[in-house]
Amino acid sequence: MKKQSIGVGLMGLGVIGGQVARVLMDRAEMLAEQVGCPLVLKRVKVLAPDLTRPQAKEMDSQLFTTDADEFFAEPEIDIVVEVIGGESPALQYLKRALSGG
């Protein structure tokens, strides 16, 4: 059965995370054609939700969370993209994502 969409959970919205989010939004149609269904941003884990950042202004503020438990509890996330940088807490988050399936 073909998926209706693929839910993306983004961890980090710095320089790289902001560009990942921009590509997901700006090139949504092209990505959907290549993947076979839409990639939909479902949650963004940040240290502090700075809604004044350019990439954040273009996004629904309800996507943001500072709580890792809330992020991982989102049932519509199929893929986790980690672009936090550094080893901690990124490594722990990646292990958690992998153990969650």
PDB file of N, CA and C in Angstrom:
ATOM      1  N   MET A   1       0.845  -1.187   0.000  1.00  0.00           N
ATOM      2  CA  MET A   1       0.000   0.000   0.000  1.00  0.00           C
ATOM      3  C   MET A   1       0.886   1.243   0.000  1.00  0.00           C
ATOM      4  N   LYS A   2       0.609   2.137  -0.900  1.00  0.00           N
ATOM      5  CA  LYS A   2       1.395   3.356  -1.035  1.00  0.00           C
ATOM      6  C   LYS A   2       1.034   4.349   0.064  1.00  0.00           C
ATOM      7  N   LYS A   3       2.066   4.960   0.658  1.00  0.00           N
ATOM      8  CA  LYS A   3       1.838   5.959   1.708  1.00  0.00           C
ATOM      9  C   LYS A   3       1.255   7.231   1.104  1.00  0.00           C
ATOM     10  N   GLN A   4       0.376   7.873   1.858  1.00  0.00           N
ATOM     11  CA  GLN A   4      -0.198   9.147   1.441  1.00  0.00           C
ATOM     12  C   GLN A   4       0.837  10.258   1.533  1.00  0.00           C
ATOM     13  N   SER A   5       1.684  10.190   2.577  1.00  0.00           N
ATOM     14  CA  SER A   5       2.757  11.166   2.771  1.00  0.00           C
ATOM     15  C   SER A   5       3.773  10.570   3.733  1.00  0.00           C
ATOM     16  N   ILE A   6       4.937  11.183   3.779  1.00  0.00           N
ATOM     17  CA  ILE A   6       5.989  10.792   4.712  1.00  0.00           C
ATOM     18  C   ILE A   6       6.190  11.951   5.671  1.00  0.00           C
ATOM     19  N   GLY A   7       6.001  11.680   6.954  1.00  0.00           N
ATOM     20  CA  GLY A   7       6.162  12.703   7.982  1.00  0.00           C
ATOM     21  C   GLY A   7       7.618  12.857   8.376  1.00  0.00           C
ATOM     22  N   VAL A   8       8.093  14.082   8.385  1.00  0.00           N
ATOM     23  CA  VAL A   8       9.486  14.379   8.715  1.00  0.00           C
ATOM     24  C   VAL A   8       9.549  15.103  10.049  1.00  0.00           C
ATOM     25  N   GLY A   9      10.415  14.614  10.922  1.00  0.00           N
ATOM     26  CA  GLY A   9      10.720  15.287  12.178  1.00  0.00           C
ATOM     27  C   GLY A   9      12.111  15.877  12.062  1.00  0.00           C
ATOM     28  N   LEU A  10      12.237  17.167  12.237  1.00  0.00           N
ATOM     29  CA  LEU A  10      13.511  17.867  12.081  1.00  0.00           C
ATOM     30  C   LEU A  10      14.044  18.261  13.443  1.00  0.00           C
ATOM     31  N   MET A  11      15.268  17.846  13.730  1.00  0.00           N
ATOM     32  CA  MET A  11      15.901  18.188  15.008  1.00  0.00           C
ATOM     33  C   MET A  11      16.989  19.217  14.728  1.00  0.00           C
ATOM     34  N   GLY A  12      16.699  20.464  15.056  1.00  0.00           N
ATOM     35  CA  GLY A  12      17.637  21.553  14.824  1.00  0.00           C
ATOM     36  C   GLY A  12      17.124  22.484  13.741  1.00  0.00           C
ATOM     37  N   LEU A  13      17.241  23.777  13.985  1.00  0.00           N
ATOM     38  CA  LEU A  13      16.804  24.767  13.000  1.00  0.00           C
ATOM     39  C   LEU A  13      17.832  25.890  12.919  1.00  0.00           C
ATOM     40  N   GLY A  14      19.091  25.491  12.949  1.00  0.00           N
ATOM     41  CA  GLY A  14      20.172  26.457  12.785  1.00  0.00           C
ATOM     42  C   GLY A  14      20.410  26.700  11.305  1.00  0.00           C
ATOM     43  N   VAL A  15      21.655  26.922  10.943  1.00  0.00           N
ATOM     44  CA  VAL A  15      21.994  27.194   9.545  1.00  0.00           C
ATOM     45  C   VAL A  15      21.591  26.018   8.654  1.00  0.00           C
ATOM     46  N   ILE A  16      22.014  24.819   9.017  1.00  0.00           N
ATOM     47  CA  ILE A  16      21.715  23.649   8.186  1.00  0.00           C
ATOM     48  C   ILE A  16      20.248  23.253   8.309  1.00  0.00           C
ATOM     49  N   GLY A  17      19.734  23.174   9.518  1.00  0.00           N
ATOM     50  CA  GLY A  17      18.334  22.805   9.715  1.00  0.00           C
ATOM     51  C   GLY A  17      17.383  23.760   9.022  1.00  0.00           C
ATOM     52  N   GLY A  18      17.723  25.040   9.048  1.00  0.00           N
ATOM     53  CA  GLY A  18      16.901  26.031   8.366  1.00  0.00           C
ATOM     54  C   GLY A  18      16.850  25.790   6.870  1.00  0.00           C
ATOM     55  N   GLN A  19      17.989  25.391   6.297  1.00  0.00           N
ATOM     56  CA  GLN A  19      18.024  25.110   4.861  1.00  0.00           C
ATOM     57  C   GLN A  19      17.280  23.817   4.531  1.00  0.00           C
ATOM     58  N   VAL A  20      17.380  22.825   5.417  1.00  0.00           N
ATOM     59  CA  VAL A  20      16.614  21.588   5.215  1.00  0.00           C
ATOM     60  C   VAL A  20      15.120  21.913   5.199  1.00  0.00           C
ATOM     61  N   ALA A  21      14.672  22.706   6.162  1.00  0.00           N
ATOM     62  CA  ALA A  21      13.261  23.099   6.220  1.00  0.00           C
ATOM     63  C   ALA A  21      12.864  23.874   4.969  1.00  0.00           C
ATOM     64  N   ARG A  22      13.731  24.764   4.525  1.00  0.00           N
ATOM     65  CA  ARG A  22      13.438  25.563   3.331  1.00  0.00           C
ATOM     66  C   ARG A  22      13.276  24.659   2.105  1.00  0.00           C
ATOM     67  N   VAL A  23      14.178  23.688   1.952  1.00  0.00           N
ATOM     68  CA  VAL A  23      14.086  22.767   0.814  1.00  0.00           C
ATOM     69  C   VAL A  23      12.785  21.965   0.884  1.00  0.00           C
ATOM     70  N   LEU A  24      12.439  21.481   2.073  1.00  0.00           N
ATOM     71  CA  LEU A  24      11.190  20.723   2.220  1.00  0.00           C
ATOM     72  C   LEU A  24       9.979  21.561   1.823  1.00  0.00           C
ATOM     73  N   MET A  25      10.011  22.841   2.127  1.00  0.00           N
ATOM     74  CA  MET A  25       8.876  23.712   1.807  1.00  0.00           C
ATOM     75  C   MET A  25       8.923  24.206   0.362  1.00  0.00           C
ATOM     76  N   ASP A  26      10.087  24.716  -0.065  1.00  0.00           N
ATOM     77  CA  ASP A  26      10.191  25.340  -1.382  1.00  0.00           C
ATOM     78  C   ASP A  26      10.182  24.337  -2.531  1.00  0.00           C
ATOM     79  N   ARG A  27      10.652  23.134  -2.274  1.00  0.00           N
ATOM     80  CA  ARG A  27      10.745  22.133  -3.342  1.00  0.00           C
ATOM     81  C   ARG A  27       9.830  20.940  -3.081  1.00  0.00           C
ATOM     82  N   ALA A  28       8.746  21.206  -2.407  1.00  0.00           N
ATOM     83  CA  ALA A  28       7.821  20.138  -2.011  1.00  0.00           C
ATOM     84  C   ALA A  28       7.316  19.339  -3.209  1.00  0.00           C
ATOM     85  N   GLU A  29       6.946  20.022  -4.273  1.00  0.00           N
ATOM     86  CA  GLU A  29       6.395  19.337  -5.440  1.00  0.00           C
ATOM     87  C   GLU A  29       7.437  18.434  -6.095  1.00  0.00           C
ATOM     88  N   MET A  30       8.654  18.948  -6.280  1.00  0.00           N
ATOM     89  CA  MET A  30       9.720  18.168  -6.890  1.00  0.00           C
ATOM     90  C   MET A  30      10.067  16.947  -6.027  1.00  0.00           C
ATOM     91  N   LEU A  31      10.157  17.156  -4.707  1.00  0.00           N
ATOM     92  CA  LEU A  31      10.472  16.049  -3.802  1.00  0.00           C
ATOM     93  C   LEU A  31       9.376  14.985  -3.835  1.00  0.00           C
ATOM     94  N   ALA A  32       8.121  15.410  -3.886  1.00  0.00           N
ATOM     95  CA  ALA A  32       7.006  14.459  -3.943  1.00  0.00           C
ATOM     96  C   ALA A  32       7.073  13.611  -5.209  1.00  0.00           C
ATOM     97  N   GLU A  33       7.439  14.231  -6.318  1.00  0.00           N
ATOM     98  CA  GLU A  33       7.578  13.488  -7.569  1.00  0.00           C
ATOM     99  C   GLU A  33       8.703  12.470  -7.471  1.00  0.00           C
ATOM    100  N   GLN A  34       9.834  12.876  -6.889  1.00  0.00           N
ATOM    101  CA  GLN A  34      10.986  11.981  -6.785  1.00  0.00           C
ATOM    102  C   GLN A  34      10.753  10.843  -5.800  1.00  0.00           C
ATOM    103  N   VAL A  35      10.094  11.134  -4.679  1.00  0.00           N
ATOM    104  CA  VAL A  35       9.889  10.143  -3.622  1.00  0.00           C
ATOM    105  C   VAL A  35       8.645   9.296  -3.890  1.00  0.00           C
ATOM    106  N   GLY A  36       7.658   9.873  -4.536  1.00  0.00           N
ATOM    107  CA  GLY A  36       6.421   9.151  -4.804  1.00  0.00           C
ATOM    108  C   GLY A  36       5.262   9.571  -3.928  1.00  0.00           C
ATOM    109  N   CYS A  37       5.533  10.442  -2.962  1.00  0.00           N
ATOM    110  CA  CYS A  37       4.488  11.018  -2.112  1.00  0.00           C
ATOM    111  C   CYS A  37       5.081  12.250  -1.425  1.00  0.00           C
ATOM    112  N   PRO A  38       4.236  13.115  -0.898  1.00  0.00           N
ATOM    113  CA  PRO A  38       4.743  14.336  -0.258  1.00  0.00           C
ATOM    114  C   PRO A  38       5.547  14.051   1.014  1.00  0.00           C
ATOM    115  N   LEU A  39       6.594  14.846   1.218  1.00  0.00           N
ATOM    116  CA  LEU A  39       7.342  14.875   2.477  1.00  0.00           C
ATOM    117  C   LEU A  39       6.767  16.036   3.275  1.00  0.00           C
ATOM    118  N   VAL A  40       6.221  15.746   4.447  1.00  0.00           N
ATOM    119  CA  VAL A  40       5.521  16.763   5.226  1.00  0.00           C
ATOM    120  C   VAL A  40       6.228  16.957   6.561  1.00  0.00           C
ATOM    121  N   LEU A  41       6.630  18.190   6.834  1.00  0.00           N
ATOM    122  CA  LEU A  41       7.276  18.512   8.101  1.00  0.00           C
ATOM    123  C   LEU A  41       6.234  18.438   9.209  1.00  0.00           C
ATOM    124  N   LYS A  42       6.462  17.538  10.182  1.00  0.00           N
ATOM    125  CA  LYS A  42       5.485  17.306  11.247  1.00  0.00           C
ATOM    126  C   LYS A  42       5.891  17.913  12.576  1.00  0.00           C
ATOM    127  N   ARG A  43       7.195  18.015  12.837  1.00  0.00           N
ATOM    128  CA  ARG A  43       7.662  18.533  14.127  1.00  0.00           C
ATOM    129  C   ARG A  43       9.076  19.041  13.961  1.00  0.00           C
ATOM    130  N   VAL A  44       9.415  20.110  14.707  1.00  0.00           N
ATOM    131  CA  VAL A  44      10.763  20.666  14.711  1.00  0.00           C
ATOM    132  C   VAL A  44      11.205  20.797  16.165  1.00  0.00           C
ATOM    133  N   LYS A  45      12.253  20.073  16.530  1.00  0.00           N
ATOM    134  CA  LYS A  45      12.813  20.130  17.886  1.00  0.00           C
ATOM    135  C   LYS A  45      13.899  21.195  17.893  1.00  0.00           C
ATOM    136  N   VAL A  46      13.733  22.184  18.769  1.00  0.00           N
ATOM    137  CA  VAL A  46      14.697  23.279  18.892  1.00  0.00           C
ATOM    138  C   VAL A  46      15.054  23.471  20.361  1.00  0.00           C
ATOM    139  N   LEU A  47      16.190  24.125  20.610  1.00  0.00           N
ATOM    140  CA  LEU A  47      16.555  24.447  21.992  1.00  0.00           C
ATOM    141  C   LEU A  47      15.644  25.520  22.549  1.00  0.00           C
ATOM    142  N   ALA A  48      15.404  26.537  21.742  1.00  0.00           N
ATOM    143  CA  ALA A  48      14.512  27.637  22.127  1.00  0.00           C
ATOM    144  C   ALA A  48      13.807  28.105  20.858  1.00  0.00           C
ATOM    145  N   PRO A  49      12.491  28.172  20.865  1.00  0.00           N
ATOM    146  CA  PRO A  49      11.774  28.570  19.654  1.00  0.00           C
ATOM    147  C   PRO A  49      11.929  30.063  19.366  1.00  0.00           C
ATOM    148  N   ASP A  50      12.861  30.385  18.481  1.00  0.00           N
ATOM    149  CA  ASP A  50      13.089  31.772  18.084  1.00  0.00           C
ATOM    150  C   ASP A  50      12.292  32.030  16.811  1.00  0.00           C
ATOM    151  N   LEU A  51      11.082  32.496  16.976  1.00  0.00           N
ATOM    152  CA  LEU A  51      10.191  32.688  15.836  1.00  0.00           C
ATOM    153  C   LEU A  51      10.538  33.914  15.011  1.00  0.00           C
ATOM    154  N   THR A  52      11.588  34.644  15.406  1.00  0.00           N
ATOM    155  CA  THR A  52      12.019  35.800  14.626  1.00  0.00           C
ATOM    156  C   THR A  52      13.004  35.396  13.534  1.00  0.00           C
ATOM    157  N   ARG A  53      13.549  34.185  13.604  1.00  0.00           N
ATOM    158  CA  ARG A  53      14.488  33.727  12.571  1.00  0.00           C
ATOM    159  C   ARG A  53      13.746  33.607  11.247  1.00  0.00           C
ATOM    160  N   PRO A  54      14.407  33.940  10.146  1.00  0.00           N
ATOM    161  CA  PRO A  54      13.729  33.900   8.842  1.00  0.00           C
ATOM    162  C   PRO A  54      13.071  32.556   8.536  1.00  0.00           C
ATOM    163  N   GLN A  55      13.779  31.447   8.795  1.00  0.00           N
ATOM    164  CA  GLN A  55      13.203  30.146   8.468  1.00  0.00           C
ATOM    165  C   GLN A  55      12.007  29.821   9.356  1.00  0.00           C
ATOM    166  N   ALA A  56      11.990  30.321  10.582  1.00  0.00           N
ATOM    167  CA  ALA A  56      10.876  30.056  11.499  1.00  0.00           C
ATOM    168  C   ALA A  56       9.638  30.864  11.122  1.00  0.00           C
ATOM    169  N   LYS A  57       9.835  32.044  10.559  1.00  0.00           N
ATOM    170  CA  LYS A  57       8.704  32.902  10.192  1.00  0.00           C
ATOM    171  C   LYS A  57       7.802  32.250   9.150  1.00  0.00           C
ATOM    172  N   GLU A  58       8.386  31.399   8.319  1.00  0.00           N
ATOM    173  CA  GLU A  58       7.638  30.761   7.239  1.00  0.00           C
ATOM    174  C   GLU A  58       6.942  29.482   7.684  1.00  0.00           C
ATOM    175  N   MET A  59       7.107  29.103   8.953  1.00  0.00           N
ATOM    176  CA  MET A  59       6.585  27.829   9.437  1.00  0.00           C
ATOM    177  C   MET A  59       5.493  28.043  10.477  1.00  0.00           C
ATOM    178  N   ASP A  60       4.613  27.074  10.575  1.00  0.00           N
ATOM    179  CA  ASP A  60       3.566  27.092  11.588  1.00  0.00           C
ATOM    180  C   ASP A  60       4.223  26.954  12.958  1.00  0.00           C
ATOM    181  N   SER A  61       3.960  27.870  13.857  1.00  0.00           N
ATOM    182  CA  SER A  61       4.589  27.852  15.184  1.00  0.00           C
ATOM    183  C   SER A  61       4.226  26.597  15.977  1.00  0.00           C
ATOM    184  N   GLN A  62       3.128  25.930  15.615  1.00  0.00           N
ATOM    185  CA  GLN A  62       2.727  24.701  16.300  1.00  0.00           C
ATOM    186  C   GLN A  62       3.662  23.532  16.006  1.00  0.00           C
ATOM    187  N   LEU A  63       4.508  23.666  14.984  1.00  0.00           N
ATOM    188  CA  LEU A  63       5.467  22.609  14.662  1.00  0.00           C
ATOM    189  C   LEU A  63       6.607  22.543  15.670  1.00  0.00           C
ATOM    190  N   PHE A  64       6.889  23.653  16.343  1.00  0.00           N
ATOM    191  CA  PHE A  64       8.061  23.748  17.211  1.00  0.00           C
ATOM    192  C   PHE A  64       7.826  23.144  18.588  1.00  0.00           C
ATOM    193  N   THR A  65       8.861  22.478  19.089  1.00  0.00           N
ATOM    194  CA  THR A  65       8.864  22.013  20.470  1.00  0.00           C
ATOM    195  C   THR A  65      10.293  22.061  21.006  1.00  0.00           C
ATOM    196  N   THR A  66      10.403  22.318  22.286  1.00  0.00           N
ATOM    197  CA  THR A  66      11.702  22.251  22.954  1.00  0.00           C
ATOM    198  C   THR A  66      11.821  20.947  23.733  1.00  0.00           C
ATOM    199  N   ASP A  67      10.766  20.169  23.749  1.00  0.00           N
ATOM    200  CA  ASP A  67      10.673  18.946  24.545  1.00  0.00           C
ATOM    201  C   ASP A  67      10.919  17.708  23.677  1.00  0.00           C
ATOM    202  N   ALA A  68      12.007  16.990  23.954  1.00  0.00           N
ATOM    203  CA  ALA A  68      12.335  15.794  23.175  1.00  0.00           C
ATOM    204  C   ALA A  68      11.249  14.730  23.301  1.00  0.00           C
ATOM    205  N   ASP A  69      10.676  14.581  24.485  1.00  0.00           N
ATOM    206  CA  ASP A  69       9.611  13.585  24.669  1.00  0.00           C
ATOM    207  C   ASP A  69       8.411  13.901  23.780  1.00  0.00           C
ATOM    208  N   GLU A  70       8.069  15.166  23.690  1.00  0.00           N
ATOM    209  CA  GLU A  70       6.957  15.588  22.826  1.00  0.00           C
ATOM    210  C   GLU A  70       7.281  15.310  21.358  1.00  0.00           C
ATOM    211  N   PHE A  71       8.525  15.593  20.977  1.00  0.00           N
ATOM    212  CA  PHE A  71       8.970  15.341  19.605  1.00  0.00           C
ATOM    213  C   PHE A  71       8.817  13.860  19.260  1.00  0.00           C
ATOM    214  N   PHE A  72       9.362  12.995  20.121  1.00  0.00           N
ATOM    215  CA  PHE A  72       9.343  11.563  19.837  1.00  0.00           C
ATOM    216  C   PHE A  72       7.959  10.939  19.999  1.00  0.00           C
ATOM    217  N   ALA A  73       7.056  11.615  20.657  1.00  0.00           N
ATOM    218  CA  ALA A  73       5.690  11.111  20.819  1.00  0.00           C
ATOM    219  C   ALA A  73       4.816  11.397  19.599  1.00  0.00           C
ATOM    220  N   GLU A  74       5.308  12.213  18.679  1.00  0.00           N
ATOM    221  CA  GLU A  74       4.529  12.563  17.483  1.00  0.00           C
ATOM    222  C   GLU A  74       4.353  11.312  16.610  1.00  0.00           C
ATOM    223  N   PRO A  75       3.142  10.789  16.504  1.00  0.00           N
ATOM    224  CA  PRO A  75       2.937   9.534  15.775  1.00  0.00           C
ATOM    225  C   PRO A  75       3.082   9.652  14.260  1.00  0.00           C
ATOM    226  N   GLU A  76       3.047  10.865  13.731  1.00  0.00           N
ATOM    227  CA  GLU A  76       3.098  11.033  12.280  1.00  0.00           C
ATOM    228  C   GLU A  76       4.513  11.212  11.742  1.00  0.00           C
ATOM    229  N   ILE A  77       5.528  11.120  12.610  1.00  0.00           N
ATOM    230  CA  ILE A  77       6.914  11.217  12.140  1.00  0.00           C
ATOM    231  C   ILE A  77       7.363   9.847  11.647  1.00  0.00           C
ATOM    232  N   ASP A  78       7.759   9.796  10.373  1.00  0.00           N
ATOM    233  CA  ASP A  78       8.290   8.573   9.769  1.00  0.00           C
ATOM    234  C   ASP A  78       9.810   8.619   9.659  1.00  0.00           C
ATOM    235  N   ILE A  79      10.349   9.823   9.470  1.00  0.00           N
ATOM    236  CA  ILE A  79      11.788  10.026   9.285  1.00  0.00           C
ATOM    237  C   ILE A  79      12.242  11.133  10.226  1.00  0.00           C
ATOM    238  N   VAL A  80      13.369  10.894  10.905  1.00  0.00           N
ATOM    239  CA  VAL A  80      13.970  11.919  11.759  1.00  0.00           C
ATOM    240  C   VAL A  80      15.231  12.425  11.074  1.00  0.00           C
ATOM    241  N   VAL A  81      15.325  13.743  10.915  1.00  0.00           N
ATOM    242  CA  VAL A  81      16.510  14.384  10.356  1.00  0.00           C
ATOM    243  C   VAL A  81      17.174  15.150  11.491  1.00  0.00           C
ATOM    244  N   GLU A  82      18.387  14.726  11.867  1.00  0.00           N
ATOM    245  CA  GLU A  82      19.104  15.352  12.979  1.00  0.00           C
ATOM    246  C   GLU A  82      20.180  16.265  12.426  1.00  0.00           C
ATOM    247  N   VAL A  83      20.055  17.549  12.690  1.00  0.00           N
ATOM    248  CA  VAL A  83      21.041  18.538  12.253  1.00  0.00           C
ATOM    249  C   VAL A  83      21.360  19.493  13.401  1.00  0.00           C
ATOM    250  N   ILE A  84      21.420  18.920  14.607  1.00  0.00           N
ATOM    251  CA  ILE A  84      21.702  19.721  15.796  1.00  0.00           C
ATOM    252  C   ILE A  84      23.164  20.130  15.833  1.00  0.00           C
ATOM    253  N   GLY A  85      24.033  19.214  15.484  1.00  0.00           N
ATOM    254  CA  GLY A  85      25.469  19.468  15.558  1.00  0.00           C
ATOM    255  C   GLY A  85      26.019  19.045  16.904  1.00  0.00           C
ATOM    256  N   GLY A  86      27.280  18.677  16.914  1.00  0.00           N
ATOM    257  CA  GLY A  86      27.895  18.201  18.144  1.00  0.00           C
ATOM    258  C   GLY A  86      27.452  16.785  18.462  1.00  0.00           C
ATOM    259  N   GLU A  87      28.030  16.233  19.518  1.00  0.00           N
ATOM    260  CA  GLU A  87      27.703  14.855  19.885  1.00  0.00           C
ATOM    261  C   GLU A  87      26.555  14.755  20.874  1.00  0.00           C
ATOM    262  N   SER A  88      26.447  15.721  21.754  1.00  0.00           N
ATOM    263  CA  SER A  88      25.419  15.643  22.786  1.00  0.00           C
ATOM    264  C   SER A  88      24.513  16.871  22.672  1.00  0.00           C
ATOM    265  N   PRO A  89      23.246  16.711  22.648  1.00  0.00           N
ATOM    266  CA  PRO A  89      22.436  15.508  22.849  1.00  0.00           C
ATOM    267  C   PRO A  89      22.119  14.756  21.561  1.00  0.00           C
ATOM    268  N   ALA A  90      22.739  15.140  20.453  1.00  0.00           N
ATOM    269  CA  ALA A  90      22.404  14.545  19.160  1.00  0.00           C
ATOM    270  C   ALA A  90      22.520  13.026  19.168  1.00  0.00           C
ATOM    271  N   LEU A  91      23.585  12.492  19.731  1.00  0.00           N
ATOM    272  CA  LEU A  91      23.775  11.045  19.748  1.00  0.00           C
ATOM    273  C   LEU A  91      22.648  10.349  20.506  1.00  0.00           C
ATOM    274  N   GLN A  92      22.277  10.888  21.649  1.00  0.00           N
ATOM    275  CA  GLN A  92      21.185  10.293  22.426  1.00  0.00           C
ATOM    276  C   GLN A  92      19.867  10.341  21.643  1.00  0.00           C
ATOM    277  N   TYR A  93      19.629  11.450  20.961  1.00  0.00           N
ATOM    278  CA  TYR A  93      18.405  11.574  20.170  1.00  0.00           C
ATOM    279  C   TYR A  93      18.389  10.565  19.018  1.00  0.00           C
ATOM    280  N   LEU A  94      19.539  10.390  18.355  1.00  0.00           N
ATOM    281  CA  LEU A  94      19.598   9.432  17.255  1.00  0.00           C
ATOM    282  C   LEU A  94      19.372   8.010  17.749  1.00  0.00           C
ATOM    283  N   LYS A  95      19.969   7.668  18.875  1.00  0.00           N
ATOM    284  CA  LYS A  95      19.745   6.336  19.448  1.00  0.00           C
ATOM    285  C   LYS A  95      18.270   6.139  19.776  1.00  0.00           C
ATOM    286  N   ARG A  96      17.664   7.162  20.315  1.00  0.00           N
ATOM    287  CA  ARG A  96      16.241   7.076  20.667  1.00  0.00           C
ATOM    288  C   ARG A  96      15.382   6.915  19.413  1.00  0.00           C
ATOM    289  N   ALA A  97      15.718   7.657  18.373  1.00  0.00           N
ATOM    290  CA  ALA A  97      14.960   7.553  17.123  1.00  0.00           C
ATOM    291  C   ALA A  97      15.087   6.151  16.532  1.00  0.00           C
ATOM    292  N   LEU A  98      16.286   5.610  16.535  1.00  0.00           N
ATOM    293  CA  LEU A  98      16.505   4.273  15.986  1.00  0.00           C
ATOM    294  C   LEU A  98      15.811   3.196  16.818  1.00  0.00           C
ATOM    295  N   SER A  99      15.841   3.345  18.120  1.00  0.00           N
ATOM    296  CA  SER A  99      15.204   2.340  18.977  1.00  0.00           C
ATOM    297  C   SER A  99      13.679   2.406  18.883  1.00  0.00           C
ATOM    298  N   GLY A 100      13.168   3.554  18.494  1.00  0.00           N
ATOM    299  CA  GLY A 100      11.720   3.715  18.339  1.00  0.00           C
ATOM    300  C   GLY A 100      11.196   3.211  17.011  1.00  0.00           C
ATOM    301  N   GLY A 101      12.109   2.869  16.115  1.00  0.00           N
ATOM    302  CA  GLY A 101      11.694   2.331  14.816  1.00  0.00           C
ATOM    303  C   GLY A 101      11.553   3.409  13.804  1.00  0.00           C
TER     304      GLY A 101
END
